[in-house]
Amino acid sequence: MRALCLAKLGRYDEAIPAYEAAFEVGDHPHTRADFGDLLDKAGRDRESLEQYQRAQEGDPHLAVGWCGEAVLRWNSSDPEIASKERAVELMRRALELEPENPEYLELMRTYEAGAVASER
């Protein structure tokens, strides 16, 4: 809980070790996805990707893990992570799991339009 509160306050340098300490107590896929989001916001793309993928492995039905990786891949400046095409695939998976989620639907519209525009 402390890690989540620190992250919401934008105190990323303090939140990161708090998340790591939480994983010593128990490993939960949703917490991994939250940690991935924090690392993404802190500009630590490679570590963020690892956390999203661990969340997906821990619970393949956790839509936020798929959506988080999609957002990371869409926005990343790291050429080994950035992939508009992969972001669309990941967003499709998130929508399979939560087809009525308005945030996911909006992201998918944006990603599909952006992917088509980048093909031109």
PDB file of N, CA and C in Angstrom:
ATOM      1  N   MET A   1       0.820  -1.188   0.000  1.00  0.00           N
ATOM      2  CA  MET A   1       0.000   0.000   0.000  1.00  0.00           C
ATOM      3  C   MET A   1       0.874   1.265   0.000  1.00  0.00           C
ATOM      4  N   ARG A   2       1.958   1.211   0.754  1.00  0.00           N
ATOM      5  CA  ARG A   2       2.863   2.361   0.815  1.00  0.00           C
ATOM      6  C   ARG A   2       3.424   2.676  -0.571  1.00  0.00           C
ATOM      7  N   ALA A   3       3.821   1.634  -1.294  1.00  0.00           N
ATOM      8  CA  ALA A   3       4.389   1.822  -2.624  1.00  0.00           C
ATOM      9  C   ALA A   3       3.390   2.505  -3.551  1.00  0.00           C
ATOM     10  N   LEU A   4       2.153   2.062  -3.515  1.00  0.00           N
ATOM     11  CA  LEU A   4       1.120   2.638  -4.367  1.00  0.00           C
ATOM     12  C   LEU A   4       0.880   4.100  -4.016  1.00  0.00           C
ATOM     13  N   CYS A   5       0.834   4.418  -2.740  1.00  0.00           N
ATOM     14  CA  CYS A   5       0.626   5.810  -2.310  1.00  0.00           C
ATOM     15  C   CYS A   5       1.784   6.703  -2.765  1.00  0.00           C
ATOM     16  N   LEU A   6       3.004   6.222  -2.587  1.00  0.00           N
ATOM     17  CA  LEU A   6       4.163   7.004  -3.020  1.00  0.00           C
ATOM     18  C   LEU A   6       4.150   7.217  -4.529  1.00  0.00           C
ATOM     19  N   ALA A   7       3.774   6.182  -5.262  1.00  0.00           N
ATOM     20  CA  ALA A   7       3.708   6.291  -6.726  1.00  0.00           C
ATOM     21  C   ALA A   7       2.667   7.328  -7.136  1.00  0.00           C
ATOM     22  N   LYS A   8       1.510   7.298  -6.500  1.00  0.00           N
ATOM     23  CA  LYS A   8       0.450   8.257  -6.835  1.00  0.00           C
ATOM     24  C   LYS A   8       0.869   9.690  -6.525  1.00  0.00           C
ATOM     25  N   LEU A   9       1.747   9.857  -5.555  1.00  0.00           N
ATOM     26  CA  LEU A   9       2.262  11.178  -5.217  1.00  0.00           C
ATOM     27  C   LEU A   9       3.400  11.612  -6.142  1.00  0.00           C
ATOM     28  N   GLY A  10       3.814  10.710  -7.046  1.00  0.00           N
ATOM     29  CA  GLY A  10       4.909  11.025  -7.958  1.00  0.00           C
ATOM     30  C   GLY A  10       6.278  10.891  -7.329  1.00  0.00           C
ATOM     31  N   ARG A  11       6.339  10.246  -6.186  1.00  0.00           N
ATOM     32  CA  ARG A  11       7.613  10.062  -5.478  1.00  0.00           C
ATOM     33  C   ARG A  11       8.217   8.708  -5.886  1.00  0.00           C
ATOM     34  N   TYR A  12       8.593   8.642  -7.164  1.00  0.00           N
ATOM     35  CA  TYR A  12       9.034   7.391  -7.774  1.00  0.00           C
ATOM     36  C   TYR A  12      10.280   6.808  -7.118  1.00  0.00           C
ATOM     37  N   ASP A  13      11.248   7.653  -6.777  1.00  0.00           N
ATOM     38  CA  ASP A  13      12.479   7.149  -6.173  1.00  0.00           C
ATOM     39  C   ASP A  13      12.221   6.460  -4.840  1.00  0.00           C
ATOM     40  N   GLU A  14      11.184   6.876  -4.140  1.00  0.00           N
ATOM     41  CA  GLU A  14      10.820   6.230  -2.876  1.00  0.00           C
ATOM     42  C   GLU A  14       9.905   5.026  -3.107  1.00  0.00           C
ATOM     43  N   ALA A  15       9.078   5.112  -4.134  1.00  0.00           N
ATOM     44  CA  ALA A  15       8.119   4.037  -4.407  1.00  0.00           C
ATOM     45  C   ALA A  15       8.797   2.763  -4.910  1.00  0.00           C
ATOM     46  N   ILE A  16       9.865   2.912  -5.688  1.00  0.00           N
ATOM     47  CA  ILE A  16      10.526   1.734  -6.267  1.00  0.00           C
ATOM     48  C   ILE A  16      11.002   0.763  -5.183  1.00  0.00           C
ATOM     49  N   PRO A  17      11.773   1.194  -4.173  1.00  0.00           N
ATOM     50  CA  PRO A  17      12.166   0.232  -3.141  1.00  0.00           C
ATOM     51  C   PRO A  17      10.981  -0.267  -2.305  1.00  0.00           C
ATOM     52  N   ALA A  18       9.933   0.535  -2.206  1.00  0.00           N
ATOM     53  CA  ALA A  18       8.745   0.077  -1.481  1.00  0.00           C
ATOM     54  C   ALA A  18       8.071  -1.073  -2.227  1.00  0.00           C
ATOM     55  N   TYR A  19       8.011  -0.986  -3.550  1.00  0.00           N
ATOM     56  CA  TYR A  19       7.479  -2.108  -4.340  1.00  0.00           C
ATOM     57  C   TYR A  19       8.365  -3.339  -4.179  1.00  0.00           C
ATOM     58  N   GLU A  20       9.669  -3.141  -4.270  1.00  0.00           N
ATOM     59  CA  GLU A  20      10.587  -4.275  -4.148  1.00  0.00           C
ATOM     60  C   GLU A  20      10.423  -4.965  -2.798  1.00  0.00           C
ATOM     61  N   ALA A  21      10.226  -4.190  -1.748  1.00  0.00           N
ATOM     62  CA  ALA A  21       9.998  -4.763  -0.420  1.00  0.00           C
ATOM     63  C   ALA A  21       8.674  -5.521  -0.381  1.00  0.00           C
ATOM     64  N   ALA A  22       7.664  -5.014  -1.055  1.00  0.00           N
ATOM     65  CA  ALA A  22       6.364  -5.690  -1.091  1.00  0.00           C
ATOM     66  C   ALA A  22       6.475  -7.060  -1.758  1.00  0.00           C
ATOM     67  N   PHE A  23       7.322  -7.187  -2.761  1.00  0.00           N
ATOM     68  CA  PHE A  23       7.480  -8.471  -3.446  1.00  0.00           C
ATOM     69  C   PHE A  23       8.155  -9.512  -2.554  1.00  0.00           C
ATOM     70  N   GLU A  24       8.881  -9.070  -1.553  1.00  0.00           N
ATOM     71  CA  GLU A  24       9.476 -10.016  -0.598  1.00  0.00           C
ATOM     72  C   GLU A  24       8.397 -10.686   0.244  1.00  0.00           C
ATOM     73  N   VAL A  25       7.286  -9.995   0.438  1.00  0.00           N
ATOM     74  CA  VAL A  25       6.169 -10.536   1.219  1.00  0.00           C
ATOM     75  C   VAL A  25       5.292 -11.433   0.350  1.00  0.00           C
ATOM     76  N   GLY A  26       5.048 -11.034  -0.883  1.00  0.00           N
ATOM     77  CA  GLY A  26       4.217 -11.813  -1.799  1.00  0.00           C
ATOM     78  C   GLY A  26       4.272 -11.230  -3.190  1.00  0.00           C
ATOM     79  N   ASP A  27       4.179 -12.108  -4.154  1.00  0.00           N
ATOM     80  CA  ASP A  27       4.259 -11.702  -5.556  1.00  0.00           C
ATOM     81  C   ASP A  27       2.861 -11.788  -6.161  1.00  0.00           C
ATOM     82  N   HIS A  28       2.302 -10.638  -6.534  1.00  0.00           N
ATOM     83  CA  HIS A  28       0.967 -10.587  -7.105  1.00  0.00           C
ATOM     84  C   HIS A  28       1.031  -9.940  -8.480  1.00  0.00           C
ATOM     85  N   PRO A  29       0.427 -10.573  -9.478  1.00  0.00           N
ATOM     86  CA  PRO A  29       0.494 -10.034 -10.838  1.00  0.00           C
ATOM     87  C   PRO A  29       0.004  -8.590 -10.965  1.00  0.00           C
ATOM     88  N   HIS A  30      -1.067  -8.236 -10.271  1.00  0.00           N
ATOM     89  CA  HIS A  30      -1.569  -6.861 -10.394  1.00  0.00           C
ATOM     90  C   HIS A  30      -0.550  -5.865  -9.830  1.00  0.00           C
ATOM     91  N   THR A  31       0.118  -6.253  -8.753  1.00  0.00           N
ATOM     92  CA  THR A  31       1.159  -5.395  -8.178  1.00  0.00           C
ATOM     93  C   THR A  31       2.321  -5.270  -9.153  1.00  0.00           C
ATOM     94  N   ARG A  32       2.644  -6.352  -9.856  1.00  0.00           N
ATOM     95  CA  ARG A  32       3.699  -6.291 -10.881  1.00  0.00           C
ATOM     96  C   ARG A  32       3.321  -5.295 -11.981  1.00  0.00           C
ATOM     97  N   ALA A  33       2.052  -5.340 -12.402  1.00  0.00           N
ATOM     98  CA  ALA A  33       1.598  -4.403 -13.434  1.00  0.00           C
ATOM     99  C   ALA A  33       1.668  -2.963 -12.930  1.00  0.00           C
ATOM    100  N   ASP A  34       1.271  -2.739 -11.682  1.00  0.00           N
ATOM    101  CA  ASP A  34       1.380  -1.399 -11.101  1.00  0.00           C
ATOM    102  C   ASP A  34       2.840  -0.940 -11.056  1.00  0.00           C
ATOM    103  N   PHE A  35       3.719  -1.857 -10.698  1.00  0.00           N
ATOM    104  CA  PHE A  35       5.148  -1.539 -10.643  1.00  0.00           C
ATOM    105  C   PHE A  35       5.664  -1.223 -12.047  1.00  0.00           C
ATOM    106  N   GLY A  36       5.188  -1.978 -13.044  1.00  0.00           N
ATOM    107  CA  GLY A  36       5.556  -1.694 -14.431  1.00  0.00           C
ATOM    108  C   GLY A  36       5.144  -0.282 -14.833  1.00  0.00           C
ATOM    109  N   ASP A  37       3.961   0.132 -14.415  1.00  0.00           N
ATOM    110  CA  ASP A  37       3.490   1.482 -14.710  1.00  0.00           C
ATOM    111  C   ASP A  37       4.379   2.529 -14.056  1.00  0.00           C
ATOM    112  N   LEU A  38       4.732   2.304 -12.818  1.00  0.00           N
ATOM    113  CA  LEU A  38       5.619   3.226 -12.100  1.00  0.00           C
ATOM    114  C   LEU A  38       6.970   3.339 -12.815  1.00  0.00           C
ATOM    115  N   LEU A  39       7.548   2.201 -13.181  1.00  0.00           N
ATOM    116  CA  LEU A  39       8.843   2.206 -13.851  1.00  0.00           C
ATOM    117  C   LEU A  39       8.753   2.904 -15.210  1.00  0.00           C
ATOM    118  N   ASP A  40       7.635   2.724 -15.899  1.00  0.00           N
ATOM    119  CA  ASP A  40       7.417   3.420 -17.168  1.00  0.00           C
ATOM    120  C   ASP A  40       7.414   4.925 -16.934  1.00  0.00           C
ATOM    121  N   LYS A  41       6.688   5.386 -15.945  1.00  0.00           N
ATOM    122  CA  LYS A  41       6.630   6.814 -15.638  1.00  0.00           C
ATOM    123  C   LYS A  41       7.990   7.356 -15.213  1.00  0.00           C
ATOM    124  N   ALA A  42       8.801   6.499 -14.602  1.00  0.00           N
ATOM    125  CA  ALA A  42      10.138   6.906 -14.163  1.00  0.00           C
ATOM    126  C   ALA A  42      11.153   6.833 -15.305  1.00  0.00           C
ATOM    127  N   GLY A  43      10.713   6.423 -16.500  1.00  0.00           N
ATOM    128  CA  GLY A  43      11.603   6.365 -17.656  1.00  0.00           C
ATOM    129  C   GLY A  43      12.494   5.141 -17.689  1.00  0.00           C
ATOM    130  N   ARG A  44      12.120   4.119 -16.961  1.00  0.00           N
ATOM    131  CA  ARG A  44      12.915   2.883 -16.899  1.00  0.00           C
ATOM    132  C   ARG A  44      12.211   1.802 -17.711  1.00  0.00           C
ATOM    133  N   ASP A  45      12.239   1.984 -19.043  1.00  0.00           N
ATOM    134  CA  ASP A  45      11.448   1.162 -19.958  1.00  0.00           C
ATOM    135  C   ASP A  45      11.768  -0.325 -19.895  1.00  0.00           C
ATOM    136  N   ARG A  46      13.018  -0.675 -19.843  1.00  0.00           N
ATOM    137  CA  ARG A  46      13.384  -2.098 -19.850  1.00  0.00           C
ATOM    138  C   ARG A  46      12.889  -2.806 -18.594  1.00  0.00           C
ATOM    139  N   GLU A  47      13.029  -2.143 -17.457  1.00  0.00           N
ATOM    140  CA  GLU A  47      12.540  -2.722 -16.208  1.00  0.00           C
ATOM    141  C   GLU A  47      11.015  -2.777 -16.205  1.00  0.00           C
ATOM    142  N   SER A  48      10.399  -1.758 -16.781  1.00  0.00           N
ATOM    143  CA  SER A  48       8.945  -1.723 -16.889  1.00  0.00           C
ATOM    144  C   SER A  48       8.444  -2.905 -17.718  1.00  0.00           C
ATOM    145  N   LEU A  49       9.069  -3.135 -18.865  1.00  0.00           N
ATOM    146  CA  LEU A  49       8.691  -4.249 -19.732  1.00  0.00           C
ATOM    147  C   LEU A  49       8.773  -5.571 -18.978  1.00  0.00           C
ATOM    148  N   GLU A  50       9.844  -5.756 -18.227  1.00  0.00           N
ATOM    149  CA  GLU A  50      10.007  -6.990 -17.454  1.00  0.00           C
ATOM    150  C   GLU A  50       8.848  -7.177 -16.468  1.00  0.00           C
ATOM    151  N   GLN A  51       8.442  -6.114 -15.806  1.00  0.00           N
ATOM    152  CA  GLN A  51       7.355  -6.215 -14.827  1.00  0.00           C
ATOM    153  C   GLN A  51       6.014  -6.519 -15.499  1.00  0.00           C
ATOM    154  N   TYR A  52       5.743  -5.880 -16.621  1.00  0.00           N
ATOM    155  CA  TYR A  52       4.494  -6.181 -17.339  1.00  0.00           C
ATOM    156  C   TYR A  52       4.466  -7.637 -17.791  1.00  0.00           C
ATOM    157  N   GLN A  53       5.594  -8.127 -18.284  1.00  0.00           N
ATOM    158  CA  GLN A  53       5.632  -9.509 -18.754  1.00  0.00           C
ATOM    159  C   GLN A  53       5.514 -10.497 -17.593  1.00  0.00           C
ATOM    160  N   ARG A  54       6.075 -10.161 -16.466  1.00  0.00           N
ATOM    161  CA  ARG A  54       5.905 -11.010 -15.284  1.00  0.00           C
ATOM    162  C   ARG A  54       4.455 -11.002 -14.810  1.00  0.00           C
ATOM    163  N   ALA A  55       3.792  -9.866 -14.925  1.00  0.00           N
ATOM    164  CA  ALA A  55       2.369  -9.786 -14.579  1.00  0.00           C
ATOM    165  C   ALA A  55       1.551 -10.687 -15.509  1.00  0.00           C
ATOM    166  N   GLN A  56       1.868 -10.653 -16.805  1.00  0.00           N
ATOM    167  CA  GLN A  56       1.159 -11.484 -17.780  1.00  0.00           C
ATOM    168  C   GLN A  56       1.384 -12.970 -17.512  1.00  0.00           C
ATOM    169  N   GLU A  57       2.612 -13.337 -17.179  1.00  0.00           N
ATOM    170  CA  GLU A  57       2.918 -14.731 -16.865  1.00  0.00           C
ATOM    171  C   GLU A  57       2.184 -15.176 -15.603  1.00  0.00           C
ATOM    172  N   GLY A  58       2.117 -14.289 -14.614  1.00  0.00           N
ATOM    173  CA  GLY A  58       1.459 -14.617 -13.353  1.00  0.00           C
ATOM    174  C   GLY A  58      -0.044 -14.740 -13.480  1.00  0.00           C
ATOM    175  N   ASP A  59      -0.629 -13.947 -14.376  1.00  0.00           N
ATOM    176  CA  ASP A  59      -2.075 -13.984 -14.614  1.00  0.00           C
ATOM    177  C   ASP A  59      -2.358 -13.551 -16.043  1.00  0.00           C
ATOM    178  N   PRO A  60      -2.437 -14.526 -16.960  1.00  0.00           N
ATOM    179  CA  PRO A  60      -2.671 -14.193 -18.365  1.00  0.00           C
ATOM    180  C   PRO A  60      -4.016 -13.515 -18.628  1.00  0.00           C
ATOM    181  N   HIS A  61      -4.893 -13.524 -17.633  1.00  0.00           N
ATOM    182  CA  HIS A  61      -6.215 -12.913 -17.785  1.00  0.00           C
ATOM    183  C   HIS A  61      -6.286 -11.516 -17.171  1.00  0.00           C
ATOM    184  N   LEU A  62      -5.139 -10.975 -16.770  1.00  0.00           N
ATOM    185  CA  LEU A  62      -5.068  -9.638 -16.174  1.00  0.00           C
ATOM    186  C   LEU A  62      -4.870  -8.610 -17.288  1.00  0.00           C
ATOM    187  N   ALA A  63      -5.950  -7.984 -17.694  1.00  0.00           N
ATOM    188  CA  ALA A  63      -5.923  -7.072 -18.845  1.00  0.00           C
ATOM    189  C   ALA A  63      -4.949  -5.920 -18.653  1.00  0.00           C
ATOM    190  N   VAL A  64      -4.815  -5.432 -17.437  1.00  0.00           N
ATOM    191  CA  VAL A  64      -3.944  -4.276 -17.197  1.00  0.00           C
ATOM    192  C   VAL A  64      -2.481  -4.589 -17.521  1.00  0.00           C
ATOM    193  N   GLY A  65      -2.080  -5.834 -17.376  1.00  0.00           N
ATOM    194  CA  GLY A  65      -0.718  -6.224 -17.746  1.00  0.00           C
ATOM    195  C   GLY A  65      -0.480  -6.100 -19.245  1.00  0.00           C
ATOM    196  N   TRP A  66      -1.467  -6.477 -20.027  1.00  0.00           N
ATOM    197  CA  TRP A  66      -1.363  -6.393 -21.493  1.00  0.00           C
ATOM    198  C   TRP A  66      -1.457  -4.941 -21.953  1.00  0.00           C
ATOM    199  N   CYS A  67      -2.393  -4.205 -21.359  1.00  0.00           N
ATOM    200  CA  CYS A  67      -2.548  -2.792 -21.715  1.00  0.00           C
ATOM    201  C   CYS A  67      -1.292  -2.000 -21.349  1.00  0.00           C
ATOM    202  N   GLY A  68      -0.743  -2.269 -20.171  1.00  0.00           N
ATOM    203  CA  GLY A  68       0.456  -1.548 -19.748  1.00  0.00           C
ATOM    204  C   GLY A  68       1.614  -1.738 -20.715  1.00  0.00           C
ATOM    205  N   GLU A  69       1.813  -2.984 -21.139  1.00  0.00           N
ATOM    206  CA  GLU A  69       2.900  -3.221 -22.100  1.00  0.00           C
ATOM    207  C   GLU A  69       2.597  -2.539 -23.432  1.00  0.00           C
ATOM    208  N   ALA A  70       1.328  -2.514 -23.823  1.00  0.00           N
ATOM    209  CA  ALA A  70       0.963  -1.835 -25.070  1.00  0.00           C
ATOM    210  C   ALA A  70       1.319  -0.351 -25.007  1.00  0.00           C
ATOM    211  N   VAL A  71       0.965   0.302 -23.915  1.00  0.00           N
ATOM    212  CA  VAL A  71       1.261   1.730 -23.757  1.00  0.00           C
ATOM    213  C   VAL A  71       2.772   1.951 -23.761  1.00  0.00           C
ATOM    214  N   LEU A  72       3.491   1.099 -23.047  1.00  0.00           N
ATOM    215  CA  LEU A  72       4.952   1.210 -23.013  1.00  0.00           C
ATOM    216  C   LEU A  72       5.535   1.099 -24.422  1.00  0.00           C
ATOM    217  N   ARG A  73       5.126   0.083 -25.165  1.00  0.00           N
ATOM    218  CA  ARG A  73       5.676  -0.123 -26.511  1.00  0.00           C
ATOM    219  C   ARG A  73       5.280   1.001 -27.466  1.00  0.00           C
ATOM    220  N   TRP A  74       4.109   1.563 -27.284  1.00  0.00           N
ATOM    221  CA  TRP A  74       3.664   2.661 -28.148  1.00  0.00           C
ATOM    222  C   TRP A  74       4.505   3.912 -27.920  1.00  0.00           C
ATOM    223  N   ASN A  75       4.816   4.184 -26.653  1.00  0.00           N
ATOM    224  CA  ASN A  75       5.459   5.454 -26.288  1.00  0.00           C
ATOM    225  C   ASN A  75       6.972   5.383 -26.113  1.00  0.00           C
ATOM    226  N   SER A  76       7.543   4.209 -26.058  1.00  0.00           N
ATOM    227  CA  SER A  76       8.962   4.076 -25.744  1.00  0.00           C
ATOM    228  C   SER A  76       9.858   4.672 -26.831  1.00  0.00           C
ATOM    229  N   SER A  77      10.950   5.277 -26.372  1.00  0.00           N
ATOM    230  CA  SER A  77      11.961   5.770 -27.305  1.00  0.00           C
ATOM    231  C   SER A  77      13.092   4.761 -27.470  1.00  0.00           C
ATOM    232  N   ASP A  78      13.023   3.662 -26.726  1.00  0.00           N
ATOM    233  CA  ASP A  78      14.029   2.602 -26.824  1.00  0.00           C
ATOM    234  C   ASP A  78      13.700   1.744 -28.050  1.00  0.00           C
ATOM    235  N   PRO A  79      14.576   1.718 -29.052  1.00  0.00           N
ATOM    236  CA  PRO A  79      14.269   0.987 -30.285  1.00  0.00           C
ATOM    237  C   PRO A  79      14.078  -0.516 -30.087  1.00  0.00           C
ATOM    238  N   GLU A  80      14.608  -1.060 -29.007  1.00  0.00           N
ATOM    239  CA  GLU A  80      14.418  -2.491 -28.740  1.00  0.00           C
ATOM    240  C   GLU A  80      13.054  -2.778 -28.114  1.00  0.00           C
ATOM    241  N   ILE A  81      12.392  -1.757 -27.625  1.00  0.00           N
ATOM    242  CA  ILE A  81      11.084  -1.923 -26.985  1.00  0.00           C
ATOM    243  C   ILE A  81       9.967  -1.347 -27.849  1.00  0.00           C
ATOM    244  N   ALA A  82      10.211  -0.200 -28.448  1.00  0.00           N
ATOM    245  CA  ALA A  82       9.189   0.495 -29.223  1.00  0.00           C
ATOM    246  C   ALA A  82       8.703  -0.351 -30.397  1.00  0.00           C
ATOM    247  N   SER A  83       7.385  -0.476 -30.500  1.00  0.00           N
ATOM    248  CA  SER A  83       6.796  -1.181 -31.633  1.00  0.00           C
ATOM    249  C   SER A  83       5.305  -0.859 -31.678  1.00  0.00           C
ATOM    250  N   LYS A  84       4.926  -0.059 -32.652  1.00  0.00           N
ATOM    251  CA  LYS A  84       3.513   0.293 -32.812  1.00  0.00           C
ATOM    252  C   LYS A  84       2.686  -0.952 -33.125  1.00  0.00           C
ATOM    253  N   GLU A  85       3.216  -1.833 -33.963  1.00  0.00           N
ATOM    254  CA  GLU A  85       2.494  -3.042 -34.345  1.00  0.00           C
ATOM    255  C   GLU A  85       2.258  -3.948 -33.130  1.00  0.00           C
ATOM    256  N   ARG A  86       3.291  -4.122 -32.330  1.00  0.00           N
ATOM    257  CA  ARG A  86       3.156  -4.959 -31.131  1.00  0.00           C
ATOM    258  C   ARG A  86       2.196  -4.316 -30.135  1.00  0.00           C
ATOM    259  N   ALA A  87       2.216  -2.996 -30.047  1.00  0.00           N
ATOM    260  CA  ALA A  87       1.293  -2.298 -29.151  1.00  0.00           C
ATOM    261  C   ALA A  87      -0.161  -2.592 -29.541  1.00  0.00           C
ATOM    262  N   VAL A  88      -0.446  -2.592 -30.834  1.00  0.00           N
ATOM    263  CA  VAL A  88      -1.803  -2.891 -31.302  1.00  0.00           C
ATOM    264  C   VAL A  88      -2.170  -4.330 -30.930  1.00  0.00           C
ATOM    265  N   GLU A  89      -1.263  -5.272 -31.130  1.00  0.00           N
ATOM    266  CA  GLU A  89      -1.527  -6.672 -30.775  1.00  0.00           C
ATOM    267  C   GLU A  89      -1.821  -6.821 -29.277  1.00  0.00           C
ATOM    268  N   LEU A  90      -1.016  -6.167 -28.456  1.00  0.00           N
ATOM    269  CA  LEU A  90      -1.195  -6.241 -27.009  1.00  0.00           C
ATOM    270  C   LEU A  90      -2.510  -5.591 -26.580  1.00  0.00           C
ATOM    271  N   MET A  91      -2.858  -4.496 -27.218  1.00  0.00           N
ATOM    272  CA  MET A  91      -4.117  -3.825 -26.886  1.00  0.00           C
ATOM    273  C   MET A  91      -5.297  -4.696 -27.270  1.00  0.00           C
ATOM    274  N   ARG A  92      -5.180  -5.413 -28.371  1.00  0.00           N
ATOM    275  CA  ARG A  92      -6.246  -6.351 -28.769  1.00  0.00           C
ATOM    276  C   ARG A  92      -6.442  -7.415 -27.687  1.00  0.00           C
ATOM    277  N   ARG A  93      -5.335  -7.897 -27.145  1.00  0.00           N
ATOM    278  CA  ARG A  93      -5.420  -8.904 -26.073  1.00  0.00           C
ATOM    279  C   ARG A  93      -6.119  -8.315 -24.842  1.00  0.00           C
ATOM    280  N   ALA A  94      -5.757  -7.100 -24.460  1.00  0.00           N
ATOM    281  CA  ALA A  94      -6.406  -6.456 -23.316  1.00  0.00           C
ATOM    282  C   ALA A  94      -7.911  -6.327 -23.564  1.00  0.00           C
ATOM    283  N   LEU A  95      -8.286  -5.979 -24.786  1.00  0.00           N
ATOM    284  CA  LEU A  95      -9.701  -5.825 -25.114  1.00  0.00           C
ATOM    285  C   LEU A  95     -10.441  -7.156 -25.168  1.00  0.00           C
ATOM    286  N   GLU A  96      -9.752  -8.226 -25.517  1.00  0.00           N
ATOM    287  CA  GLU A  96     -10.382  -9.549 -25.450  1.00  0.00           C
ATOM    288  C   GLU A  96     -10.797  -9.851 -24.008  1.00  0.00           C
ATOM    289  N   LEU A  97      -9.962  -9.418 -23.077  1.00  0.00           N
ATOM    290  CA  LEU A  97     -10.212  -9.687 -21.667  1.00  0.00           C
ATOM    291  C   LEU A  97     -11.220  -8.724 -21.046  1.00  0.00           C
ATOM    292  N   GLU A  98     -11.225  -7.477 -21.509  1.00  0.00           N
ATOM    293  CA  GLU A  98     -12.130  -6.450 -20.984  1.00  0.00           C
ATOM    294  C   GLU A  98     -12.706  -5.645 -22.154  1.00  0.00           C
ATOM    295  N   PRO A  99     -13.630  -6.255 -22.911  1.00  0.00           N
ATOM    296  CA  PRO A  99     -14.107  -5.627 -24.140  1.00  0.00           C
ATOM    297  C   PRO A  99     -14.902  -4.336 -23.942  1.00  0.00           C
ATOM    298  N   GLU A 100     -15.385  -4.080 -22.763  1.00  0.00           N
ATOM    299  CA  GLU A 100     -16.179  -2.872 -22.521  1.00  0.00           C
ATOM    300  C   GLU A 100     -15.389  -1.772 -21.822  1.00  0.00           C
ATOM    301  N   ASN A 101     -14.105  -1.973 -21.590  1.00  0.00           N
ATOM    302  CA  ASN A 101     -13.308  -0.989 -20.866  1.00  0.00           C
ATOM    303  C   ASN A 101     -13.141   0.263 -21.742  1.00  0.00           C
ATOM    304  N   PRO A 102     -13.704   1.405 -21.334  1.00  0.00           N
ATOM    305  CA  PRO A 102     -13.653   2.596 -22.195  1.00  0.00           C
ATOM    306  C   PRO A 102     -12.234   3.117 -22.434  1.00  0.00           C
ATOM    307  N   GLU A 103     -11.354   3.001 -21.453  1.00  0.00           N
ATOM    308  CA  GLU A 103      -9.968   3.451 -21.640  1.00  0.00           C
ATOM    309  C   GLU A 103      -9.280   2.599 -22.704  1.00  0.00           C
ATOM    310  N   TYR A 104      -9.492   1.291 -22.644  1.00  0.00           N
ATOM    311  CA  TYR A 104      -8.876   0.390 -23.616  1.00  0.00           C
ATOM    312  C   TYR A 104      -9.436   0.645 -25.016  1.00  0.00           C
ATOM    313  N   LEU A 105     -10.741   0.868 -25.095  1.00  0.00           N
ATOM    314  CA  LEU A 105     -11.355   1.148 -26.397  1.00  0.00           C
ATOM    315  C   LEU A 105     -10.778   2.422 -27.018  1.00  0.00           C
ATOM    316  N   GLU A 106     -10.599   3.447 -26.200  1.00  0.00           N
ATOM    317  CA  GLU A 106     -10.041   4.715 -26.697  1.00  0.00           C
ATOM    318  C   GLU A 106      -8.583   4.538 -27.138  1.00  0.00           C
ATOM    319  N   LEU A 107      -7.805   3.827 -26.325  1.00  0.00           N
ATOM    320  CA  LEU A 107      -6.414   3.572 -26.704  1.00  0.00           C
ATOM    321  C   LEU A 107      -6.340   2.794 -28.010  1.00  0.00           C
ATOM    322  N   MET A 108      -7.213   1.806 -28.165  1.00  0.00           N
ATOM    323  CA  MET A 108      -7.197   0.990 -29.377  1.00  0.00           C
ATOM    324  C   MET A 108      -7.512   1.842 -30.606  1.00  0.00           C
ATOM    325  N   ARG A 109      -8.483   2.731 -30.494  1.00  0.00           N
ATOM    326  CA  ARG A 109      -8.800   3.623 -31.624  1.00  0.00           C
ATOM    327  C   ARG A 109      -7.579   4.473 -31.978  1.00  0.00           C
ATOM    328  N   THR A 110      -6.923   5.003 -30.968  1.00  0.00           N
ATOM    329  CA  THR A 110      -5.735   5.828 -31.183  1.00  0.00           C
ATOM    330  C   THR A 110      -4.620   5.013 -31.824  1.00  0.00           C
ATOM    331  N   TYR A 111      -4.390   3.819 -31.300  1.00  0.00           N
ATOM    332  CA  TYR A 111      -3.295   2.990 -31.804  1.00  0.00           C
ATOM    333  C   TYR A 111      -3.553   2.520 -33.229  1.00  0.00           C
ATOM    334  N   GLU A 112      -4.777   2.100 -33.498  1.00  0.00           N
ATOM    335  CA  GLU A 112      -5.074   1.657 -34.857  1.00  0.00           C
ATOM    336  C   GLU A 112      -4.921   2.810 -35.860  1.00  0.00           C
ATOM    337  N   ALA A 113      -5.397   3.994 -35.497  1.00  0.00           N
ATOM    338  CA  ALA A 113      -5.250   5.150 -36.385  1.00  0.00           C
ATOM    339  C   ALA A 113      -3.781   5.495 -36.574  1.00  0.00           C
ATOM    340  N   GLY A 114      -3.015   5.448 -35.503  1.00  0.00           N
ATOM    341  CA  GLY A 114      -1.585   5.756 -35.582  1.00  0.00           C
ATOM    342  C   GLY A 114      -0.812   4.719 -36.372  1.00  0.00           C
ATOM    343  N   ALA A 115      -1.183   3.458 -36.226  1.00  0.00           N
ATOM    344  CA  ALA A 115      -0.503   2.399 -36.957  1.00  0.00           C
ATOM    345  C   ALA A 115      -0.760   2.534 -38.452  1.00  0.00           C
ATOM    346  N   VAL A 116      -2.002   2.865 -38.828  1.00  0.00           N
ATOM    347  CA  VAL A 116      -2.335   3.062 -40.236  1.00  0.00           C
ATOM    348  C   VAL A 116      -1.578   4.256 -40.795  1.00  0.00           C
ATOM    349  N   ALA A 117      -1.509   5.350 -40.025  1.00  0.00           N
ATOM    350  CA  ALA A 117      -0.812   6.552 -40.479  1.00  0.00           C
ATOM    351  C   ALA A 117       0.678   6.298 -40.659  1.00  0.00           C
ATOM    352  N   SER A 118       1.280   5.472 -39.783  1.00  0.00           N
ATOM    353  CA  SER A 118       2.713   5.211 -39.889  1.00  0.00           C
ATOM    354  C   SER A 118       3.052   4.293 -41.065  1.00  0.00           C
ATOM    355  N   GLU A 119       2.056   3.572 -41.590  1.00  0.00           N
ATOM    356  CA  GLU A 119       2.278   2.700 -42.743  1.00  0.00           C
ATOM    357  C   GLU A 119       2.337   3.497 -44.047  1.00  0.00           C
ATOM    358  N   ARG A 120       1.817   4.710 -44.002  1.00  0.00           N
ATOM    359  CA  ARG A 120       1.763   5.532 -45.235  1.00  0.00           C
ATOM    360  C   ARG A 120       3.091   6.099 -45.599  1.00  0.00           C
TER     361      ARG A 120
END
